[in-house]
Protein backbone atom coordinates (compact mmCIF):
# COMPACT_ATOMS: atom_id res chain seq x y z
CA UNK A 1 -13.48 -10.72 -30.82
CA UNK A 2 -12.76 -12.93 -27.85
CA UNK A 3 -14.33 -12.11 -24.37
CA UNK A 4 -12.06 -11.72 -21.71
CA UNK A 5 -11.94 -14.32 -19.14
CA UNK A 6 -13.43 -12.68 -15.52
CA UNK A 7 -10.36 -12.77 -13.27
CA UNK A 8 -11.03 -15.21 -10.31
CA UNK A 9 -11.38 -13.36 -6.85
CA UNK A 10 -8.97 -14.99 -4.28
CA UNK A 11 -10.51 -15.59 -0.79
CA UNK A 12 -8.12 -16.90 2.06
CA UNK A 13 -9.64 -18.70 4.35
CA UNK A 14 -8.59 -19.03 8.22
CA UNK A 15 -9.20 -22.72 8.73
CA UNK A 16 -7.80 -22.33 12.23
CA UNK A 17 -8.75 -21.34 15.86
CA UNK A 18 -12.26 -21.93 15.76
CA UNK A 19 -14.57 -23.64 18.11
CA UNK A 20 -15.47 -26.22 15.35
CA UNK A 21 -12.58 -28.41 14.11
CA UNK A 22 -10.66 -27.14 10.68
CA UNK A 23 -12.59 -29.93 8.55
CA UNK A 24 -15.68 -28.23 9.55
CA UNK A 25 -13.98 -24.97 8.07
CA UNK A 26 -12.40 -26.34 5.32
CA UNK A 27 -15.97 -28.55 4.30
CA UNK A 28 -17.49 -25.34 4.10
CA UNK A 29 -14.39 -24.10 1.57
CA UNK A 30 -15.05 -26.64 -0.42
CA UNK A 31 -18.88 -25.95 -0.74
CA UNK A 32 -17.96 -22.24 -1.77
CA UNK A 33 -15.12 -23.07 -4.06
CA UNK A 34 -17.54 -25.70 -5.98
CA UNK A 35 -20.31 -23.33 -6.38
CA UNK A 36 -18.15 -20.25 -7.64
CA UNK A 37 -15.97 -22.17 -9.62
CA UNK A 38 -13.51 -20.45 -11.74
CA UNK A 39 -14.89 -16.88 -10.35
CA UNK A 40 -13.07 -17.85 -7.23
CA UNK A 41 -9.53 -18.83 -5.96
CA UNK A 42 -9.69 -19.98 -2.31
CA UNK A 43 -6.98 -20.10 0.05
CA UNK A 44 -6.89 -22.25 2.65
CA UNK A 45 -4.65 -20.84 5.47
CA UNK A 46 -3.36 -22.72 8.51
CA UNK A 47 -1.25 -25.92 9.33
CA UNK A 48 -0.08 -27.46 6.49
CA UNK A 49 -0.01 -31.18 8.10
CA UNK A 50 -3.52 -30.41 8.87
CA UNK A 51 -4.99 -28.96 5.49
CA UNK A 52 -3.14 -31.84 3.94
CA UNK A 53 -4.75 -34.41 5.72
CA UNK A 54 -8.29 -33.27 5.25
CA UNK A 55 -7.34 -32.29 1.36
CA UNK A 56 -5.63 -35.76 0.76
CA UNK A 57 -8.93 -37.75 1.86
CA UNK A 58 -10.48 -36.14 -0.99
CA UNK A 59 -9.70 -37.38 -4.61
CA UNK A 60 -11.80 -34.56 -6.35
CA UNK A 61 -9.98 -31.57 -4.71
CA UNK A 62 -11.25 -28.56 -6.79
CA UNK A 63 -8.52 -26.89 -8.85
CA UNK A 64 -9.23 -23.39 -7.57
CA UNK A 65 -8.22 -24.28 -3.86
CA UNK A 66 -4.74 -23.70 -2.83
CA UNK A 67 -2.58 -23.88 1.00
CA UNK A 68 -0.96 -21.07 2.40
CA UNK A 69 1.45 -22.56 5.90
CA UNK A 70 0.52 -20.66 9.05
CA UNK A 71 2.60 -22.01 11.94
CA UNK A 72 0.22 -20.87 14.73
CA UNK A 73 -3.37 -20.46 15.72
CA UNK A 74 -4.87 -17.88 17.94
CA UNK A 75 -6.75 -19.74 20.88
CA UNK A 76 -10.20 -18.13 21.52
CA UNK A 77 -9.32 -17.63 25.47
CA UNK A 78 -6.15 -15.39 23.75
CA UNK A 79 -6.79 -11.17 24.01
CA UNK A 80 -6.87 -9.53 20.84
CA UNK A 81 -3.25 -8.06 22.06
CA UNK A 82 -1.71 -11.67 22.42
CA UNK A 83 -3.25 -12.60 18.67
CA UNK A 84 -1.71 -9.69 16.94
CA UNK A 85 1.52 -10.67 18.38
CA UNK A 86 1.71 -14.44 17.02
CA UNK A 87 2.94 -12.75 13.61
CA UNK A 88 3.08 -16.15 11.96
CA UNK A 89 -0.70 -16.92 12.80
CA UNK A 90 -3.53 -18.57 10.53
CA UNK A 91 -5.11 -14.64 11.18
CA UNK A 92 -2.06 -12.71 10.22
CA UNK A 93 -1.08 -14.99 7.25
CA UNK A 94 -4.47 -14.12 5.93
CA UNK A 95 -4.40 -10.81 6.48
CA UNK A 96 -0.87 -10.20 4.71
CA UNK A 97 -1.70 -12.06 2.22
CA UNK A 98 -4.53 -9.13 1.49
CA UNK A 99 -2.04 -6.41 2.23
CA UNK A 100 0.45 -7.76 0.04
CA UNK A 101 -1.96 -8.43 -3.16
CA UNK A 102 -2.33 -12.12 -3.06
CA UNK A 103 -5.81 -11.98 -1.56
CA UNK A 104 -8.74 -10.10 -2.01
CA UNK A 105 -10.59 -10.77 0.76
CA UNK A 106 -10.00 -12.60 4.42
CA UNK A 107 -12.65 -14.68 6.06
CA UNK A 108 -12.03 -16.26 9.38
CA UNK A 109 -14.55 -18.10 12.30
CA UNK A 110 -11.33 -17.62 14.68
CA UNK A 111 -11.02 -15.43 17.84
CA UNK A 112 -13.46 -12.19 16.96
CA UNK A 113 -11.06 -9.74 18.51
CA UNK A 114 -7.73 -10.52 17.86
CA UNK A 115 -9.14 -10.69 13.98
CA UNK A 116 -10.65 -7.05 14.17
CA UNK A 117 -7.38 -5.72 15.89
CA UNK A 118 -5.22 -7.78 13.51
CA UNK A 119 -7.70 -5.84 10.59
CA UNK A 120 -6.98 -2.81 11.32
CA UNK A 121 -3.24 -2.85 12.36
CA UNK A 122 -2.63 -4.85 8.88
CA UNK A 123 -5.29 -2.95 6.48
CA UNK A 124 -5.67 -0.03 7.86
CA UNK A 125 -8.89 2.18 8.46
CA UNK A 126 -10.41 3.68 5.38
CA UNK A 127 -9.53 7.67 5.29
CA UNK A 128 -12.22 9.46 6.85
CA UNK A 129 -13.43 6.51 8.99
CA UNK A 130 -13.24 7.09 12.95
CA UNK A 131 -13.87 3.20 13.84
CA UNK A 132 -14.67 0.36 11.66
CA UNK A 133 -17.77 -1.50 12.85
CA UNK A 134 -19.13 -5.05 12.24
CA UNK A 135 -22.50 -5.16 10.35
CA UNK A 136 -24.68 -8.12 10.63
CA UNK A 137 -28.01 -9.34 8.89
CA UNK A 138 -31.30 -9.93 10.78
CA UNK A 139 -34.18 -11.99 9.13
CA UNK A 140 -37.65 -9.97 8.75
CA UNK A 141 -41.04 -10.84 8.04
CA UNK A 142 -40.93 -9.49 4.52
CA UNK A 143 -37.83 -11.53 3.46
CA UNK A 144 -35.29 -8.70 2.63
CA UNK A 145 -32.91 -8.89 5.68
CA UNK A 146 -32.15 -5.57 8.08
CA UNK A 147 -28.45 -4.65 8.12
CA UNK A 148 -27.57 -3.65 12.14
CA UNK A 149 -24.54 -1.88 13.16
CA UNK A 150 -22.05 -1.71 15.27
CA UNK A 151 -22.79 -5.26 17.15
CA UNK A 152 -19.80 -5.59 18.68
CA UNK A 153 -16.78 -3.78 17.54
CA UNK A 154 -17.19 -0.77 19.82
CA UNK A 155 -18.71 -0.83 23.23
CA UNK A 156 -18.87 3.13 23.37
CA UNK A 157 -19.52 5.67 20.35
CA UNK A 158 -19.28 9.37 19.92
CA UNK A 159 -22.68 10.76 17.61
CA UNK A 160 -20.61 11.55 14.53
CA UNK A 161 -19.48 7.66 14.48
CA UNK A 162 -22.71 6.16 15.02
CA UNK A 163 -23.15 8.93 12.17
CA UNK A 164 -20.42 7.29 10.05
CA UNK A 165 -21.98 3.66 10.70
CA UNK A 166 -24.94 4.84 9.25
CA UNK A 167 -23.14 6.03 5.96
CA UNK A 168 -21.24 2.49 5.61
CA UNK A 169 -24.00 0.47 6.06
CA UNK A 170 -26.18 2.10 3.57
CA UNK A 171 -23.46 1.65 1.10
CA UNK A 172 -23.48 -1.88 1.95
CA UNK A 173 -26.98 -2.35 1.76
CA UNK A 174 -27.53 -0.47 -1.15
CA UNK A 175 -24.75 -2.55 -3.45
CA UNK A 176 -25.23 -6.11 -1.72
CA UNK A 177 -28.60 -6.28 -1.55
CA UNK A 178 -29.71 -3.99 -4.53
CA UNK A 179 -31.85 -1.03 -2.39
CA UNK A 180 -32.21 1.94 -3.75
CA UNK A 181 -32.05 4.74 -0.94
CA UNK A 182 -32.05 2.26 1.59
CA UNK A 183 -33.79 3.53 4.75
CA UNK A 184 -31.94 4.40 8.05
CA UNK A 185 -33.20 4.02 11.57
CA UNK A 186 -31.52 5.11 14.53
CA UNK A 187 -32.07 2.40 17.72
CA UNK A 188 -33.60 4.00 20.34
CA UNK A 189 -36.14 3.43 23.22
CA UNK A 190 -38.82 5.23 21.38
CA UNK A 191 -39.43 6.98 18.14
CA UNK A 192 -39.80 10.57 19.37
CA UNK A 193 -36.75 12.50 18.64
CA UNK A 194 -36.80 13.62 22.49
CA UNK A 195 -36.43 9.34 23.48
CA UNK A 196 -32.88 8.38 23.95
CA UNK A 197 -30.08 9.22 25.84
CA UNK A 198 -27.95 12.47 24.69
CA UNK A 199 -25.70 10.50 22.56
CA UNK A 200 -28.80 9.35 20.65
CA UNK A 201 -30.14 12.63 20.59
CA UNK A 202 -27.22 14.18 19.15
CA UNK A 203 -26.65 11.20 16.79
CA UNK A 204 -30.82 11.95 15.55
CA UNK A 205 -29.73 15.64 14.75
CA UNK A 206 -26.48 14.50 12.35
CA UNK A 207 -28.46 11.87 10.53
CA UNK A 208 -31.57 14.43 10.07
CA UNK A 209 -29.34 17.16 8.74
CA UNK A 210 -27.79 14.63 6.15
CA UNK A 211 -28.53 13.31 2.50
CA UNK A 212 -29.41 10.15 4.07
CA UNK A 213 -32.77 8.25 4.07
CA UNK A 214 -33.22 9.23 7.65
CA UNK A 215 -36.42 7.66 8.66
CA UNK A 216 -35.81 8.38 12.51
CA UNK A 217 -35.82 6.26 15.61
CA UNK A 218 -36.20 3.03 15.59
CA UNK A 219 -37.34 0.60 18.47
CA UNK A 220 -35.99 -3.03 18.55
CA UNK A 221 -39.74 -4.18 17.68
CA UNK A 222 -39.29 -2.59 14.54
CA UNK A 223 -36.08 -4.83 13.02
CA UNK A 224 -37.86 -8.01 12.97
CA UNK A 225 -40.84 -5.93 10.72
CA UNK A 226 -38.26 -4.47 8.34
CA UNK A 227 -39.39 -1.11 9.16
CA UNK A 228 -35.72 0.15 8.34
CA UNK A 229 -33.09 -1.43 6.15
CA UNK A 230 -30.24 -0.40 8.60
CA UNK A 231 -30.39 0.31 11.64
CA UNK A 232 -27.29 1.56 14.08
CA UNK A 233 -26.45 1.17 17.36
CA UNK A 234 -23.52 1.22 19.58
CA UNK A 235 -21.26 -1.79 19.63
CA UNK A 236 -22.65 -2.52 23.31
CA UNK A 237 -26.37 -2.20 22.39
CA UNK A 238 -25.81 -4.08 18.87
CA UNK A 239 -24.34 -7.30 20.37
CA UNK A 240 -27.19 -7.41 22.76
CA UNK A 241 -29.43 -7.69 20.18
CA UNK A 242 -27.42 -9.89 18.29
CA UNK A 243 -26.79 -12.39 21.06
CA UNK A 244 -30.66 -12.33 21.92
CA UNK A 245 -31.26 -13.22 18.25
CA UNK A 246 -28.95 -16.00 18.08
CA UNK A 247 -31.19 -17.78 20.43
CA UNK A 248 -34.53 -17.51 18.89
CA UNK A 249 -33.87 -20.57 16.40
CA UNK A 250 -32.85 -22.83 19.13
CA UNK A 251 -35.87 -21.37 22.04
CA UNK A 252 -38.20 -22.22 18.97
CA UNK A 253 -36.95 -25.54 18.27
CA UNK A 254 -37.02 -26.52 21.73
CA UNK A 255 -40.25 -25.13 22.52
CA UNK A 256 -42.17 -26.90 19.39
CA UNK A 257 -40.27 -30.41 20.30
CA UNK A 258 -41.71 -29.96 23.42
CA UNK A 259 -45.01 -29.22 22.35
CA UNK A 260 -44.85 -31.97 19.49
CA UNK A 261 -44.25 -34.59 22.62
CA UNK A 262 -47.15 -33.33 24.71
CA UNK A 263 -49.59 -35.38 23.05
CA UNK A 264 -50.78 -37.29 19.61
CA UNK A 265 -52.72 -34.36 18.35
CA UNK A 266 -49.86 -32.10 18.71
CA UNK A 267 -47.66 -34.55 16.76
CA UNK A 268 -50.09 -35.12 13.97
CA UNK A 269 -50.24 -30.98 13.67
CA UNK A 270 -46.62 -30.82 13.60
CA UNK A 271 -46.55 -33.53 10.89
CA UNK A 272 -48.41 -31.47 8.57
CA UNK A 273 -46.67 -28.14 9.49
CA UNK A 274 -43.20 -29.62 8.88
CA UNK A 275 -42.81 -27.67 5.73
CA UNK A 276 -43.59 -24.35 7.36
CA UNK A 277 -41.71 -25.12 10.36
CA UNK A 278 -38.69 -25.78 8.55
CA UNK A 279 -38.77 -22.60 6.36
CA UNK A 280 -39.65 -20.84 10.19
CA UNK A 281 -36.36 -22.49 11.18
CA UNK A 282 -34.08 -21.21 8.28
CA UNK A 283 -35.11 -17.71 8.84
CA UNK A 284 -33.52 -17.43 12.08
CA UNK A 285 -30.57 -19.74 11.07
CA UNK A 286 -27.46 -17.62 11.38
CA UNK A 287 -25.60 -19.91 8.61
CA UNK A 288 -27.71 -18.26 6.28
CA UNK A 289 -25.91 -15.02 6.20
CA UNK A 290 -22.85 -16.54 6.64
CA UNK A 291 -20.83 -13.91 9.08
CA UNK A 292 -20.61 -10.64 9.64
CA UNK A 293 -18.08 -7.84 7.56
CA UNK A 294 -16.32 -5.75 9.27
CA UNK A 295 -16.36 -2.37 7.55
CA UNK A 296 -14.60 0.83 7.56
CA UNK A 297 -10.94 -0.58 7.05
CA UNK A 298 -8.73 -0.96 4.15
CA UNK A 299 -10.00 -4.59 2.97
CA UNK A 300 -12.61 -6.92 3.01
CA UNK A 301 -12.81 -9.20 6.22
CA UNK A 302 -15.86 -11.49 7.07
CA UNK A 303 -16.33 -12.21 10.82
CA UNK A 304 -17.83 -15.68 11.36
CA UNK A 305 -18.89 -17.48 14.41
CA UNK A 306 -16.98 -20.05 16.18
CA UNK A 307 -19.21 -22.55 15.95
CA UNK A 308 -20.15 -21.93 12.43
CA UNK A 309 -21.60 -24.76 10.17
CA UNK A 310 -19.76 -25.82 6.76
CA UNK A 311 -22.62 -23.74 5.32
CA UNK A 312 -22.19 -20.67 7.45
CA UNK A 313 -18.40 -20.70 6.06
CA UNK A 314 -19.53 -21.48 2.51
CA UNK A 315 -21.87 -17.99 2.40
CA UNK A 316 -19.28 -16.09 4.29
CA UNK A 317 -16.61 -16.79 1.49
CA UNK A 318 -19.32 -16.01 -1.28
CA UNK A 319 -20.63 -12.86 0.84
CA UNK A 320 -16.53 -11.84 1.03
CA UNK A 321 -16.18 -12.49 -3.26
CA UNK A 322 -19.74 -10.31 -3.39
CA UNK A 323 -18.46 -7.62 -1.23
CA UNK A 324 -14.87 -7.40 -3.22
CA UNK A 325 -17.15 -7.53 -6.84
CA UNK A 326 -19.13 -4.57 -5.46
CA UNK A 327 -16.22 -2.83 -4.14
CA UNK A 328 -17.68 -2.20 -1.01
CA UNK A 329 -14.03 -0.60 0.45
CA UNK A 330 -13.95 1.86 -2.41
CA UNK A 331 -17.35 3.35 -2.14
CA UNK A 332 -16.70 3.95 1.66
CA UNK A 333 -13.66 5.17 0.75
CA UNK A 334 -15.42 7.94 -2.40
CA UNK A 335 -18.28 8.37 -0.31
CA UNK A 336 -16.43 9.70 2.67
CA UNK A 337 -14.08 11.72 0.49
CA UNK A 338 -16.82 13.56 -1.29
CA UNK A 339 -18.94 14.39 1.80
CA UNK A 340 -16.02 15.78 3.67
CA UNK A 341 -15.16 12.28 5.60
CA UNK A 342 -18.32 12.00 6.40
CA UNK A 343 -19.31 14.80 8.57
CA UNK A 344 -21.31 17.27 6.11
CA UNK A 345 -22.38 14.19 4.43
CA UNK A 346 -23.24 16.13 0.65
CA UNK A 347 -24.99 19.11 2.40
CA UNK A 348 -22.77 21.13 -0.08
CA UNK A 349 -22.47 19.15 -2.55
CA UNK A 350 -25.65 19.92 -4.73
CA UNK A 351 -26.04 16.47 -6.74
CA UNK A 352 -27.50 13.50 -6.32
CA UNK A 353 -24.25 11.07 -5.40
CA UNK A 354 -22.92 9.13 -7.93
CA UNK A 355 -26.37 7.81 -9.00
CA UNK A 356 -25.64 5.00 -6.58
CA UNK A 357 -28.80 4.52 -4.69
CA UNK A 358 -26.63 4.86 -1.50
CA UNK A 359 -27.81 8.47 -0.78
CA UNK A 360 -30.87 10.43 -1.87
CA UNK A 361 -31.38 13.68 -3.76
CA UNK A 362 -30.40 16.27 -1.20
CA UNK A 363 -33.44 17.80 0.48
CA UNK A 364 -34.55 21.32 -0.40
CA UNK A 365 -34.27 23.53 2.66
CA UNK A 366 -38.03 23.36 3.50
CA UNK A 367 -37.79 19.60 3.85
CA UNK A 368 -34.65 19.63 6.37
């Protein structure tokens, strides 16, 4: 009996519109294509002449890379509305490929607002999802990263929308990182239920009545300790948190370099600690996680930093392929349908949720 070959996952990679050059984006794509081999079909989306100049310079072009013509790029300075109007931009073409079934996922380091708006316009939202959210991974002292969402898609949120972020985050953390019954925390200014604004207090009540593994409020200091597997916040707070975290690696590098230059003893100590310092720097290196998934849309989309390195792009493409393999969107859709669009979240469903480990068993009345 012959084994059926594994169907390759097709990822459309936007090579235009980033702060870095298209060559840097494509270099990361090359790395992903080589690493995943026949499991991946990668499509460079952009101006053919730009892509061809780069690919022609590489004699060993991987067989699993194709090209899709896109006449325009969306500039970083353009508004999301202006980006949507460019029907033949690399963002529009890459997302259209997914809608038409010619791609399974889309990755872009281009204009974040345009990518988010175009994703919703082209792929739509999963039924029951009020607002999609951008999720980001933060390093922890235990090694397993914490997933935080939303980190920029929604500045103002209602309690039930924050609650839905917790559901989507739990599904992602469970399936992508293998955690059973992920611990969900609500970001606030104190651990007590009464701490926080009215939005947080009302959201706390929704989480507490749900079947999610809700551990209560968490504070900013709890993220790096790994107290929660999923941390929920609105996009305003989450984006400020993300931008602060992105500055840590550069701050550490600058302070260590300054200290090393101070005297000879520091230089000797730094030489002995070089392996440790390298590992510390990698811990806060955003490229280790690639990009941020946009959860809640009717497809797979990874939003990358505009200055993404080839390593970050490679990891983003690999993450996109993993999201397709784990059927993240389908699982979110099923969860929303099972739990009344995420509002009741299984309180009337007296069974464990599909045995996936996403939702813990429904608690008895005296546990609520």
